[in-house]
N, C-alpha and C. Protein backbone atom coordinates (compact mmCIF):
# COMPACT_ATOMS: atom_id res chain seq x y z
N MET A 1 80.85 81.44 95.11
CA MET A 1 81.53 82.71 94.96
C MET A 1 82.14 82.80 93.56
N ASP A 2 82.13 83.99 93.03
CA ASP A 2 82.65 84.26 91.69
C ASP A 2 84.16 84.00 91.66
N PRO A 3 84.61 83.08 90.79
CA PRO A 3 86.04 82.76 90.72
C PRO A 3 86.92 83.98 90.39
N GLU A 4 86.39 84.92 89.63
CA GLU A 4 87.16 86.12 89.31
C GLU A 4 87.39 86.98 90.55
N LEU A 5 86.37 87.06 91.43
CA LEU A 5 86.53 87.81 92.67
C LEU A 5 87.53 87.13 93.60
N VAL A 6 87.48 85.81 93.65
CA VAL A 6 88.43 85.06 94.46
C VAL A 6 89.85 85.31 93.95
N ASP A 7 90.01 85.28 92.63
CA ASP A 7 91.32 85.53 92.03
C ASP A 7 91.81 86.95 92.35
N LEU A 8 90.92 87.91 92.26
CA LEU A 8 91.28 89.30 92.58
C LEU A 8 91.70 89.42 94.04
N ALA A 9 90.97 88.77 94.93
CA ALA A 9 91.32 88.81 96.35
C ALA A 9 92.71 88.24 96.57
N HIS A 10 93.01 87.12 95.93
CA HIS A 10 94.35 86.53 96.06
C HIS A 10 95.43 87.47 95.52
N GLN A 11 95.13 88.16 94.45
CA GLN A 11 96.08 89.13 93.90
C GLN A 11 96.33 90.26 94.89
N MET A 12 95.27 90.74 95.55
CA MET A 12 95.42 91.83 96.52
C MET A 12 96.27 91.39 97.70
N LEU A 13 96.03 90.19 98.18
CA LEU A 13 96.80 89.65 99.30
C LEU A 13 98.27 89.52 98.92
N ASP A 14 98.53 89.09 97.68
CA ASP A 14 99.91 88.99 97.20
C ASP A 14 100.56 90.37 97.11
N LEU A 15 99.82 91.38 96.65
CA LEU A 15 100.36 92.73 96.57
C LEU A 15 100.79 93.22 97.95
N ALA A 16 99.99 92.93 98.96
CA ALA A 16 100.33 93.32 100.33
C ALA A 16 101.59 92.61 100.80
N ARG A 17 101.68 91.30 100.54
CA ARG A 17 102.86 90.52 100.95
C ARG A 17 104.12 91.02 100.25
N GLN A 18 103.97 91.46 99.00
CA GLN A 18 105.13 91.85 98.19
C GLN A 18 105.49 93.33 98.34
N GLY A 19 104.68 94.09 99.06
CA GLY A 19 104.99 95.49 99.28
C GLY A 19 104.63 96.41 98.13
N GLU A 20 103.71 96.00 97.30
CA GLU A 20 103.28 96.78 96.14
C GLU A 20 102.25 97.83 96.56
N SER A 21 102.70 98.82 97.33
CA SER A 21 101.77 99.76 97.93
C SER A 21 101.01 100.60 96.91
N GLU A 22 101.66 101.09 95.86
CA GLU A 22 100.97 101.93 94.89
C GLU A 22 99.84 101.18 94.19
N ARG A 23 100.12 99.98 93.75
CA ARG A 23 99.08 99.18 93.08
C ARG A 23 97.96 98.83 94.05
N LEU A 24 98.32 98.47 95.27
CA LEU A 24 97.33 98.11 96.28
C LEU A 24 96.43 99.30 96.59
N VAL A 25 97.01 100.47 96.76
CA VAL A 25 96.23 101.68 97.03
C VAL A 25 95.25 101.95 95.89
N ALA A 26 95.69 101.79 94.67
CA ALA A 26 94.81 102.02 93.52
C ALA A 26 93.60 101.10 93.57
N TYR A 27 93.80 99.85 93.92
CA TYR A 27 92.69 98.91 94.01
C TYR A 27 91.75 99.27 95.16
N VAL A 28 92.32 99.62 96.32
CA VAL A 28 91.49 99.99 97.46
C VAL A 28 90.68 101.25 97.14
N GLU A 29 91.33 102.20 96.51
CA GLU A 29 90.60 103.43 96.13
C GLU A 29 89.51 103.13 95.10
N ALA A 30 89.67 102.04 94.34
CA ALA A 30 88.67 101.65 93.35
C ALA A 30 87.57 100.77 93.93
N GLY A 31 87.70 100.41 95.24
CA GLY A 31 86.61 99.67 95.86
C GLY A 31 86.96 98.39 96.58
N VAL A 32 88.19 97.91 96.47
CA VAL A 32 88.59 96.72 97.23
C VAL A 32 88.57 97.11 98.71
N PRO A 33 87.97 96.29 99.57
CA PRO A 33 87.92 96.62 101.00
C PRO A 33 89.32 96.76 101.61
N ALA A 34 89.55 97.84 102.35
CA ALA A 34 90.85 98.06 102.99
C ALA A 34 91.15 96.97 104.01
N ASP A 35 90.10 96.34 104.56
CA ASP A 35 90.28 95.27 105.54
C ASP A 35 90.02 93.88 104.96
N LEU A 36 90.27 93.72 103.67
CA LEU A 36 90.16 92.41 103.04
C LEU A 36 91.02 91.41 103.80
N THR A 37 90.50 90.21 104.02
CA THR A 37 91.24 89.18 104.76
C THR A 37 91.44 87.92 103.94
N ASP A 38 92.47 87.16 104.32
CA ASP A 38 92.66 85.85 103.74
C ASP A 38 91.85 84.82 104.54
N ALA A 39 92.01 83.56 104.22
CA ALA A 39 91.23 82.51 104.87
C ALA A 39 91.53 82.37 106.36
N SER A 40 92.64 82.95 106.81
CA SER A 40 93.02 82.89 108.23
C SER A 40 92.73 84.19 108.97
N GLY A 41 92.04 85.11 108.30
CA GLY A 41 91.69 86.37 108.94
C GLY A 41 92.78 87.42 108.92
N ASN A 42 93.86 87.17 108.18
CA ASN A 42 94.93 88.16 108.07
C ASN A 42 94.51 89.24 107.08
N THR A 43 94.53 90.50 107.52
CA THR A 43 94.16 91.60 106.64
C THR A 43 95.33 91.96 105.73
N LEU A 44 95.02 92.78 104.74
CA LEU A 44 96.07 93.31 103.87
C LEU A 44 97.13 94.01 104.70
N LEU A 45 96.69 94.82 105.66
CA LEU A 45 97.62 95.56 106.51
C LEU A 45 98.49 94.60 107.32
N MET A 46 97.89 93.55 107.88
CA MET A 46 98.66 92.60 108.66
C MET A 46 99.72 91.91 107.80
N LEU A 47 99.34 91.53 106.59
CA LEU A 47 100.30 90.87 105.70
C LEU A 47 101.44 91.82 105.34
N GLY A 48 101.10 93.07 105.06
CA GLY A 48 102.14 94.06 104.78
C GLY A 48 103.06 94.25 105.97
N ALA A 49 102.46 94.35 107.17
CA ALA A 49 103.24 94.55 108.39
C ALA A 49 104.16 93.36 108.65
N TYR A 50 103.63 92.17 108.54
CA TYR A 50 104.39 90.96 108.83
C TYR A 50 105.57 90.79 107.88
N HIS A 51 105.40 91.28 106.66
CA HIS A 51 106.46 91.15 105.66
C HIS A 51 107.35 92.39 105.59
N GLY A 52 107.17 93.32 106.54
CA GLY A 52 108.07 94.45 106.66
C GLY A 52 107.86 95.59 105.68
N HIS A 53 106.67 95.71 105.13
CA HIS A 53 106.39 96.74 104.13
C HIS A 53 105.72 97.96 104.76
N VAL A 54 106.55 98.87 105.25
CA VAL A 54 106.05 100.03 105.98
C VAL A 54 105.16 100.90 105.11
N GLU A 55 105.44 101.03 103.83
CA GLU A 55 104.60 101.87 102.97
C GLU A 55 103.21 101.27 102.79
N VAL A 56 103.11 99.96 102.74
CA VAL A 56 101.80 99.31 102.67
C VAL A 56 101.02 99.62 103.94
N VAL A 57 101.67 99.52 105.07
CA VAL A 57 101.03 99.79 106.36
C VAL A 57 100.55 101.24 106.42
N ARG A 58 101.43 102.16 106.10
CA ARG A 58 101.05 103.58 106.14
C ARG A 58 99.89 103.89 105.20
N ALA A 59 99.98 103.37 103.98
CA ALA A 59 98.95 103.65 102.97
C ALA A 59 97.60 103.08 103.37
N LEU A 60 97.59 101.83 103.82
CA LEU A 60 96.32 101.21 104.20
C LEU A 60 95.72 101.87 105.44
N ALA A 61 96.56 102.23 106.40
CA ALA A 61 96.06 102.93 107.59
C ALA A 61 95.44 104.26 107.18
N ALA A 62 96.08 104.96 106.26
CA ALA A 62 95.55 106.24 105.78
C ALA A 62 94.22 106.07 105.05
N LEU A 63 94.01 104.90 104.47
CA LEU A 63 92.77 104.60 103.75
C LEU A 63 91.70 104.00 104.66
N GLY A 64 91.98 103.95 105.96
CA GLY A 64 90.97 103.50 106.91
C GLY A 64 91.04 102.06 107.34
N ALA A 65 92.11 101.35 106.97
CA ALA A 65 92.25 99.96 107.42
C ALA A 65 92.36 99.94 108.94
N ASP A 66 91.79 98.93 109.55
CA ASP A 66 91.80 98.77 111.01
C ASP A 66 93.17 98.26 111.46
N VAL A 67 93.94 99.12 112.12
CA VAL A 67 95.30 98.76 112.54
C VAL A 67 95.31 97.75 113.68
N ASP A 68 94.16 97.53 114.31
CA ASP A 68 94.08 96.59 115.43
C ASP A 68 93.29 95.32 115.11
N ARG A 69 92.90 95.14 113.86
CA ARG A 69 92.08 93.97 113.52
C ARG A 69 92.89 92.70 113.74
N LEU A 70 92.33 91.80 114.52
CA LEU A 70 92.99 90.54 114.86
C LEU A 70 92.70 89.48 113.81
N ASN A 71 93.66 88.59 113.60
CA ASN A 71 93.41 87.46 112.72
C ASN A 71 92.68 86.37 113.50
N ASP A 72 92.44 85.24 112.87
CA ASP A 72 91.67 84.17 113.49
C ASP A 72 92.38 83.53 114.69
N ARG A 73 93.68 83.81 114.82
CA ARG A 73 94.43 83.29 115.97
C ARG A 73 94.55 84.32 117.09
N GLY A 74 93.86 85.47 116.92
CA GLY A 74 93.88 86.50 117.94
C GLY A 74 95.12 87.38 117.92
N GLN A 75 95.86 87.37 116.82
CA GLN A 75 97.10 88.14 116.71
C GLN A 75 96.83 89.48 116.03
N SER A 76 97.54 90.51 116.50
CA SER A 76 97.41 91.85 115.92
C SER A 76 98.57 92.13 114.97
N PRO A 77 98.37 93.08 114.06
CA PRO A 77 99.47 93.48 113.18
C PRO A 77 100.69 93.98 113.98
N LEU A 78 100.43 94.73 115.05
CA LEU A 78 101.52 95.27 115.86
C LEU A 78 102.32 94.16 116.53
N ALA A 79 101.65 93.17 117.07
CA ALA A 79 102.37 92.04 117.68
C ALA A 79 103.21 91.31 116.63
N GLY A 80 102.66 91.15 115.43
CA GLY A 80 103.41 90.51 114.35
C GLY A 80 104.65 91.30 113.97
N ALA A 81 104.53 92.63 113.95
CA ALA A 81 105.68 93.47 113.62
C ALA A 81 106.75 93.37 114.70
N PHE A 82 106.35 93.34 115.97
CA PHE A 82 107.32 93.14 117.04
C PHE A 82 107.98 91.77 116.91
N PHE A 83 107.19 90.75 116.64
CA PHE A 83 107.70 89.39 116.49
C PHE A 83 108.77 89.33 115.41
N LYS A 84 108.51 90.00 114.29
CA LYS A 84 109.44 89.98 113.16
C LYS A 84 110.59 90.98 113.30
N GLY A 85 110.54 91.85 114.31
CA GLY A 85 111.59 92.84 114.49
C GLY A 85 111.55 93.96 113.46
N GLU A 86 110.36 94.27 112.98
CA GLU A 86 110.18 95.30 111.96
C GLU A 86 109.95 96.66 112.63
N ASP A 87 111.04 97.32 113.01
CA ASP A 87 110.96 98.56 113.78
C ASP A 87 110.22 99.68 113.05
N GLU A 88 110.44 99.83 111.75
CA GLU A 88 109.75 100.89 111.00
C GLU A 88 108.25 100.62 110.95
N VAL A 89 107.89 99.37 110.80
CA VAL A 89 106.47 99.00 110.78
C VAL A 89 105.85 99.26 112.14
N VAL A 90 106.57 98.89 113.20
CA VAL A 90 106.09 99.16 114.56
C VAL A 90 105.83 100.65 114.72
N ALA A 91 106.77 101.47 114.30
CA ALA A 91 106.62 102.93 114.43
C ALA A 91 105.42 103.43 113.63
N ALA A 92 105.23 102.90 112.42
CA ALA A 92 104.09 103.32 111.59
C ALA A 92 102.77 102.92 112.22
N LEU A 93 102.70 101.72 112.76
CA LEU A 93 101.48 101.26 113.41
C LEU A 93 101.19 102.06 114.67
N ARG A 94 102.23 102.35 115.44
CA ARG A 94 102.05 103.14 116.65
C ARG A 94 101.57 104.54 116.29
N ALA A 95 102.14 105.11 115.22
CA ALA A 95 101.73 106.45 114.76
C ALA A 95 100.28 106.45 114.31
N ALA A 96 99.81 105.30 113.81
CA ALA A 96 98.43 105.18 113.35
C ALA A 96 97.48 104.82 114.50
N GLY A 97 98.01 104.72 115.72
CA GLY A 97 97.17 104.48 116.88
C GLY A 97 96.98 103.03 117.28
N ALA A 98 97.83 102.13 116.79
CA ALA A 98 97.69 100.71 117.13
C ALA A 98 97.80 100.50 118.64
N ASP A 99 96.98 99.60 119.16
CA ASP A 99 96.88 99.31 120.59
C ASP A 99 97.92 98.26 121.00
N LEU A 100 98.78 98.63 121.93
CA LEU A 100 99.80 97.70 122.43
C LEU A 100 99.19 96.50 123.15
N ASP A 101 97.95 96.63 123.60
CA ASP A 101 97.35 95.57 124.40
C ASP A 101 96.31 94.73 123.65
N ALA A 102 96.15 94.98 122.35
CA ALA A 102 95.20 94.20 121.56
C ALA A 102 95.79 92.83 121.24
N GLY A 103 94.93 91.83 121.24
CA GLY A 103 95.33 90.49 120.82
C GLY A 103 95.96 89.66 121.91
N SER A 104 96.30 88.43 121.50
CA SER A 104 96.90 87.49 122.42
C SER A 104 97.89 86.59 121.66
N PRO A 105 99.17 86.66 121.95
CA PRO A 105 99.74 87.59 122.90
C PRO A 105 99.68 89.02 122.36
N SER A 106 99.60 89.96 123.25
CA SER A 106 99.55 91.36 122.84
C SER A 106 100.90 91.81 122.32
N ALA A 107 100.90 92.96 121.67
CA ALA A 107 102.16 93.53 121.19
C ALA A 107 103.09 93.82 122.37
N ARG A 108 102.52 94.29 123.46
CA ARG A 108 103.32 94.59 124.66
C ARG A 108 104.00 93.31 125.15
N GLU A 109 103.25 92.21 125.22
CA GLU A 109 103.81 90.93 125.67
C GLU A 109 104.87 90.41 124.69
N THR A 110 104.59 90.56 123.39
CA THR A 110 105.53 90.11 122.37
C THR A 110 106.82 90.90 122.44
N ALA A 111 106.70 92.22 122.59
CA ALA A 111 107.90 93.07 122.70
C ALA A 111 108.72 92.69 123.92
N ALA A 112 108.05 92.45 125.03
CA ALA A 112 108.77 92.08 126.25
C ALA A 112 109.49 90.74 126.07
N PHE A 113 108.82 89.78 125.46
CA PHE A 113 109.41 88.47 125.25
C PHE A 113 110.69 88.55 124.42
N PHE A 114 110.65 89.38 123.37
CA PHE A 114 111.81 89.52 122.48
C PHE A 114 112.73 90.67 122.86
N GLU A 115 112.46 91.26 124.04
CA GLU A 115 113.28 92.36 124.58
C GLU A 115 113.42 93.49 123.58
N ARG A 116 112.28 93.90 122.99
CA ARG A 116 112.25 95.01 122.03
C ARG A 116 111.63 96.23 122.70
N GLU A 117 112.09 97.39 122.27
CA GLU A 117 111.55 98.66 122.77
C GLU A 117 110.13 98.87 122.27
N LEU A 118 109.28 99.43 123.11
CA LEU A 118 107.89 99.70 122.72
C LEU A 118 107.76 100.91 121.82
N GLY A 119 108.70 101.81 121.86
CA GLY A 119 108.56 103.05 121.10
C GLY A 119 107.86 104.08 121.93
N GLU A 120 107.54 105.19 121.29
CA GLU A 120 106.90 106.32 121.99
C GLU A 120 105.47 105.99 122.37
N ASP A 121 105.07 106.44 123.56
CA ASP A 121 103.66 106.30 123.99
C ASP A 121 102.92 107.58 123.76
């Protein structure tokens, strides 16, 4: 694999973790896959969600990123947001149509375990 492409992928993953939504959107609009994953199957959207970056989540969902794509451990972005207590991210994912029952444990199970509200159905 081209080392420059690998470096670019790592940069994109870092932008998602850091909440750099404007820069990330520019790259996706220029051709970076909206569902780019790291070595563990975590998508850009999942990394943004897990780190509490609601604008990254909204922007990537608007660009067609799969809000229900599971990582290699079977976890969904929505379950991760419930786990981390990221209420705004949960709301953004729910608004984008994220499935409460996707993954294992599902977002519904994760919310119940941590006694968090599911939000609007």
